[in-house]
Amino acid sequence: MTLNILFMSITVKKRLRSLTEHNHDTLVNQHFEETKLKQESVRMF
């Protein structure tokens, strides 16, 4: 029971992120996708 409560509290805290963290993650994912597309286009030639 205690372990379950501990797990739930860690899960809830992990989901709460600030707006700047969310924006940063979105930007990083965008750059990652762009790089991936560039690499695929270079392989085609």
N, C-alpha and C. Protein backbone atom coordinates (compact mmCIF):
# COMPACT_ATOMS: atom_id res chain seq x y z
N MET A 1 0.83 -1.20 0.00
CA MET A 1 0.00 0.00 0.00
C MET A 1 0.88 1.26 0.00
N THR A 2 1.89 1.29 0.83
CA THR A 2 2.78 2.45 0.89
C THR A 2 3.53 2.61 -0.43
N LEU A 3 3.94 1.50 -0.99
CA LEU A 3 4.65 1.55 -2.27
C LEU A 3 3.75 2.10 -3.37
N ASN A 4 2.51 1.71 -3.36
CA ASN A 4 1.56 2.20 -4.35
C ASN A 4 1.38 3.71 -4.23
N ILE A 5 1.24 4.22 -3.02
CA ILE A 5 1.09 5.66 -2.81
C ILE A 5 2.35 6.39 -3.26
N LEU A 6 3.50 5.85 -2.96
CA LEU A 6 4.76 6.45 -3.39
C LEU A 6 4.84 6.50 -4.91
N PHE A 7 4.47 5.42 -5.56
CA PHE A 7 4.49 5.38 -7.02
C PHE A 7 3.55 6.43 -7.61
N MET A 8 2.36 6.56 -7.05
CA MET A 8 1.39 7.53 -7.56
C MET A 8 1.90 8.96 -7.38
N SER A 9 2.52 9.25 -6.26
CA SER A 9 3.01 10.62 -6.03
C SER A 9 4.16 10.94 -6.98
N ILE A 10 5.02 9.97 -7.26
CA ILE A 10 6.11 10.19 -8.21
C ILE A 10 5.55 10.41 -9.61
N THR A 11 4.54 9.63 -9.98
CA THR A 11 3.93 9.75 -11.30
C THR A 11 3.29 11.12 -11.47
N VAL A 12 2.57 11.58 -10.49
CA VAL A 12 1.91 12.89 -10.57
C VAL A 12 2.95 14.00 -10.66
N LYS A 13 4.00 13.92 -9.87
CA LYS A 13 5.03 14.96 -9.92
C LYS A 13 5.76 14.96 -11.25
N LYS A 14 5.92 13.81 -11.84
CA LYS A 14 6.64 13.73 -13.10
C LYS A 14 5.85 14.38 -14.23
N ARG A 15 4.56 14.31 -14.19
CA ARG A 15 3.73 14.87 -15.25
C ARG A 15 3.64 16.38 -15.21
N LEU A 16 3.85 16.96 -14.07
CA LEU A 16 3.74 18.41 -13.95
C LEU A 16 5.03 19.06 -14.43
N ARG A 17 4.94 19.73 -15.57
CA ARG A 17 6.11 20.41 -16.13
C ARG A 17 5.74 21.86 -16.38
N SER A 18 6.73 22.68 -16.37
CA SER A 18 6.47 24.09 -16.61
C SER A 18 6.28 24.32 -18.12
N LEU A 19 5.78 25.48 -18.44
CA LEU A 19 5.55 25.83 -19.83
C LEU A 19 6.86 25.91 -20.61
N THR A 20 7.89 26.44 -19.98
CA THR A 20 9.18 26.54 -20.68
C THR A 20 9.76 25.16 -20.98
N GLU A 21 9.59 24.22 -20.06
CA GLU A 21 10.06 22.85 -20.32
C GLU A 21 9.30 22.23 -21.48
N HIS A 22 8.02 22.45 -21.50
CA HIS A 22 7.19 21.91 -22.58
C HIS A 22 7.61 22.52 -23.92
N ASN A 23 7.81 23.82 -23.95
CA ASN A 23 8.22 24.48 -25.19
C ASN A 23 9.59 23.99 -25.64
N HIS A 24 10.49 23.79 -24.71
CA HIS A 24 11.82 23.30 -25.05
C HIS A 24 11.73 21.90 -25.64
N ASP A 25 10.95 21.04 -25.02
CA ASP A 25 10.79 19.68 -25.53
C ASP A 25 10.19 19.67 -26.93
N THR A 26 9.23 20.54 -27.16
CA THR A 26 8.61 20.64 -28.48
C THR A 26 9.63 21.10 -29.51
N LEU A 27 10.43 22.08 -29.17
CA LEU A 27 11.45 22.59 -30.07
C LEU A 27 12.50 21.52 -30.39
N VAL A 28 12.92 20.80 -29.37
CA VAL A 28 13.91 19.73 -29.57
C VAL A 28 13.34 18.65 -30.48
N ASN A 29 12.09 18.28 -30.27
CA ASN A 29 11.47 17.27 -31.13
C ASN A 29 11.36 17.75 -32.57
N GLN A 30 11.06 19.02 -32.75
CA GLN A 30 10.98 19.59 -34.10
C GLN A 30 12.34 19.51 -34.80
N HIS A 31 13.38 19.89 -34.11
CA HIS A 31 14.72 19.84 -34.69
C HIS A 31 15.13 18.41 -34.99
N PHE A 32 14.77 17.51 -34.12
CA PHE A 32 15.08 16.11 -34.33
C PHE A 32 14.40 15.58 -35.60
N GLU A 33 13.14 15.92 -35.77
CA GLU A 33 12.40 15.48 -36.95
C GLU A 33 12.98 16.10 -38.23
N GLU A 34 13.35 17.38 -38.17
CA GLU A 34 13.95 18.04 -39.33
C GLU A 34 15.27 17.37 -39.72
N THR A 35 16.08 17.07 -38.73
CA THR A 35 17.35 16.41 -38.99
C THR A 35 17.14 15.03 -39.58
N LYS A 36 16.17 14.34 -39.06
CA LYS A 36 15.85 13.00 -39.57
C LYS A 36 15.41 13.06 -41.03
N LEU A 37 14.59 14.04 -41.36
CA LEU A 37 14.14 14.20 -42.75
C LEU A 37 15.30 14.56 -43.68
N LYS A 38 16.19 15.41 -43.20
CA LYS A 38 17.37 15.78 -44.01
C LYS A 38 18.24 14.56 -44.27
N GLN A 39 18.43 13.74 -43.26
CA GLN A 39 19.24 12.55 -43.43
C GLN A 39 18.61 11.59 -44.42
N GLU A 40 17.31 11.46 -44.37
CA GLU A 40 16.63 10.57 -45.32
C GLU A 40 16.72 11.10 -46.74
N SER A 41 16.63 12.41 -46.90
CA SER A 41 16.71 12.96 -48.24
C SER A 41 18.11 12.83 -48.81
N VAL A 42 19.15 12.91 -47.99
CA VAL A 42 20.52 12.77 -48.44
C VAL A 42 20.78 11.32 -48.87
N ARG A 43 20.21 10.38 -48.17
CA ARG A 43 20.39 8.95 -48.50
C ARG A 43 19.78 8.60 -49.85
N MET A 44 18.80 9.35 -50.28
CA MET A 44 18.11 9.04 -51.54
C MET A 44 19.01 9.33 -52.73
N PHE A 45 19.98 10.21 -52.60
CA PHE A 45 20.84 10.60 -53.73
C PHE A 45 22.04 9.76 -53.84
